[in-house]
């Protein structure tokens, strides 16, 4: 934080397979490594065991940006859900600070939701993303 300025939506740059996305209204991504306590004799846990790592993501594009994604799929001669796995980058930058970048590796679109209603001032398309890799946060691996 410099001069009290914290990261905000304007601080984020999102890279998709075709380049930097401008008309993005939201991105969500999360991951987890499941863990479970291990018990033996007595009531107290003896330790723990790790389970599977999972990650997921969702991005909301304005319809104009979604059209760029469709154009990219068309240029690759692939259906949207058959595009090769790709990374998504999410960079955070404030003036005077170094840029920090998260990389969501091994992405694949799995669901597309369109919505529009009378009185809307913009049309959005929400895309759910299967993450087959992992999320690397500013160079730090999750597992």
Protein backbone atom coordinates (compact mmCIF):
# COMPACT_ATOMS: atom_id res chain seq x y z
CA UNK A 1 0.00 0.00 0.00
CA UNK A 2 1.40 3.40 -0.98
CA UNK A 3 -0.22 6.60 0.29
CA UNK A 4 -3.16 4.54 1.60
CA UNK A 5 -4.11 3.17 -1.86
CA UNK A 6 -5.20 -0.47 -1.74
CA UNK A 7 -5.90 -2.78 -4.67
CA UNK A 8 -9.24 -2.20 -6.35
CA UNK A 9 -10.96 -3.37 -9.53
CA UNK A 10 -8.98 -0.83 -11.56
CA UNK A 11 -5.75 -2.47 -10.29
CA UNK A 12 -6.54 -5.79 -12.02
CA UNK A 13 -5.48 -6.89 -15.51
CA UNK A 14 -6.79 -10.23 -16.79
CA UNK A 15 -5.13 -12.22 -19.56
CA UNK A 16 -7.15 -14.74 -21.56
CA UNK A 17 -5.90 -16.97 -24.43
CA UNK A 18 -6.39 -14.21 -27.01
CA UNK A 19 -4.82 -11.39 -24.95
CA UNK A 20 -5.76 -8.88 -22.29
CA UNK A 21 -9.49 -8.77 -21.57
CA UNK A 22 -10.86 -5.26 -21.17
CA UNK A 23 -14.63 -5.73 -20.83
CA UNK A 24 -14.56 -7.96 -17.75
CA UNK A 25 -16.96 -7.33 -14.91
CA UNK A 26 -15.77 -10.05 -12.53
CA UNK A 27 -13.44 -12.96 -11.90
CA UNK A 28 -13.58 -15.50 -9.08
CA UNK A 29 -11.05 -18.22 -8.42
CA UNK A 30 -10.37 -20.47 -5.48
CA UNK A 31 -8.60 -23.64 -4.51
CA UNK A 32 -8.29 -26.00 -1.59
CA UNK A 33 -6.32 -28.95 -0.35
CA UNK A 34 -8.61 -31.16 1.67
CA UNK A 35 -7.28 -32.50 4.94
CA UNK A 36 -8.75 -34.80 7.52
CA UNK A 37 -7.78 -35.61 11.08
CA UNK A 38 -6.50 -39.13 11.74
CA UNK A 39 -7.55 -40.89 14.94
CA UNK A 40 -6.30 -43.95 16.74
CA UNK A 41 -6.65 -45.02 20.35
CA UNK A 42 -8.23 -42.31 22.48
CA UNK A 43 -10.31 -39.27 21.61
CA UNK A 44 -7.56 -36.92 20.43
CA UNK A 45 -6.31 -36.80 16.84
CA UNK A 46 -2.93 -38.36 16.16
CA UNK A 47 -2.30 -36.25 13.09
CA UNK A 48 -3.85 -35.55 9.74
CA UNK A 49 -3.85 -36.76 6.17
CA UNK A 50 -4.09 -34.73 2.99
CA UNK A 51 -6.71 -35.41 0.37
CA UNK A 52 -7.12 -34.00 -3.11
CA UNK A 53 -6.29 -30.52 -4.35
CA UNK A 54 -9.08 -28.82 -6.31
CA UNK A 55 -9.33 -25.43 -7.97
CA UNK A 56 -12.10 -23.66 -9.83
CA UNK A 57 -12.73 -20.33 -11.50
CA UNK A 58 -15.50 -18.21 -12.99
CA UNK A 59 -15.28 -15.11 -15.15
CA UNK A 60 -17.96 -12.63 -16.17
CA UNK A 61 -17.48 -10.86 -19.49
CA UNK A 62 -19.49 -8.16 -21.17
CA UNK A 63 -21.02 -9.50 -24.38
CA UNK A 64 -18.50 -7.55 -26.51
CA UNK A 65 -15.59 -9.30 -24.77
CA UNK A 66 -17.33 -12.66 -25.09
CA UNK A 67 -17.52 -12.01 -28.84
CA UNK A 68 -13.70 -11.65 -28.85
CA UNK A 69 -13.48 -15.05 -27.15
CA UNK A 70 -15.75 -16.56 -29.79
CA UNK A 71 -13.61 -14.98 -32.53
CA UNK A 72 -10.53 -16.55 -30.91
CA UNK A 73 -12.20 -19.99 -30.84
CA UNK A 74 -13.19 -19.53 -34.49
CA UNK A 75 -9.58 -18.59 -35.41
CA UNK A 76 -8.38 -21.77 -33.67
CA UNK A 77 -11.04 -23.77 -35.54
CA UNK A 78 -12.25 -25.18 -32.23
CA UNK A 79 -15.60 -25.17 -30.43
CA UNK A 80 -15.53 -23.07 -27.24
CA UNK A 81 -15.59 -26.11 -24.96
CA UNK A 82 -12.90 -27.87 -27.02
CA UNK A 83 -10.22 -25.18 -26.87
CA UNK A 84 -6.87 -26.57 -25.67
CA UNK A 85 -6.14 -26.02 -21.98
CA UNK A 86 -4.98 -22.46 -21.38
CA UNK A 87 -3.77 -20.29 -18.49
CA UNK A 88 -5.56 -17.22 -17.18
CA UNK A 89 -3.41 -14.53 -15.61
CA UNK A 90 -4.68 -12.05 -13.06
CA UNK A 91 -2.24 -9.21 -12.37
CA UNK A 92 -2.53 -6.71 -9.55
CA UNK A 93 -0.68 -3.40 -9.86
CA UNK A 94 -0.65 -0.14 -7.94
CA UNK A 95 1.48 2.87 -8.86
CA UNK A 96 4.89 2.64 -7.21
CA UNK A 97 4.61 -1.08 -6.41
CA UNK A 98 5.69 -4.15 -8.32
CA UNK A 99 3.02 -6.05 -10.24
CA UNK A 100 1.88 -9.28 -8.63
CA UNK A 101 0.47 -11.96 -10.91
CA UNK A 102 -1.62 -15.02 -10.16
CA UNK A 103 -1.72 -17.74 -12.81
CA UNK A 104 -4.63 -20.14 -13.08
CA UNK A 105 -3.15 -23.07 -15.00
CA UNK A 106 -4.92 -25.65 -17.13
CA UNK A 107 -8.23 -23.85 -17.71
CA UNK A 108 -11.17 -25.19 -19.71
CA UNK A 109 -14.59 -23.58 -20.16
CA UNK A 110 -17.40 -25.85 -18.98
CA UNK A 111 -20.52 -23.71 -18.74
CA UNK A 112 -21.73 -20.48 -20.32
CA UNK A 113 -24.63 -18.46 -18.90
CA UNK A 114 -26.27 -15.59 -20.77
CA UNK A 115 -28.80 -13.28 -19.24
CA UNK A 116 -30.59 -10.20 -20.40
CA UNK A 117 -33.70 -8.40 -19.26
CA UNK A 118 -35.70 -5.31 -20.06
CA UNK A 119 -33.93 -2.25 -18.72
CA UNK A 120 -30.45 -3.80 -18.67
CA UNK A 121 -27.71 -1.32 -19.44
CA UNK A 122 -25.20 -4.04 -20.31
CA UNK A 123 -25.27 -7.71 -21.25
CA UNK A 124 -23.00 -10.11 -19.39
CA UNK A 125 -21.90 -13.67 -20.06
CA UNK A 126 -20.69 -15.81 -17.16
CA UNK A 127 -18.27 -18.65 -17.91
CA UNK A 128 -17.51 -21.45 -15.47
CA UNK A 129 -13.99 -22.81 -15.71
CA UNK A 130 -12.61 -26.23 -14.84
CA UNK A 131 -9.06 -25.88 -13.55
CA UNK A 132 -6.99 -28.98 -14.30
CA UNK A 133 -3.75 -27.45 -13.02
CA UNK A 134 -3.29 -25.26 -10.00
CA UNK A 135 -3.33 -21.63 -9.00
CA UNK A 136 0.11 -20.04 -8.67
CA UNK A 137 -0.17 -16.90 -6.55
CA UNK A 138 2.60 -14.38 -7.23
CA UNK A 139 5.01 -17.23 -7.99
CA UNK A 140 4.01 -19.36 -4.97
CA UNK A 141 2.59 -22.81 -5.78
CA UNK A 142 -0.47 -24.01 -3.90
CA UNK A 143 0.84 -27.57 -3.49
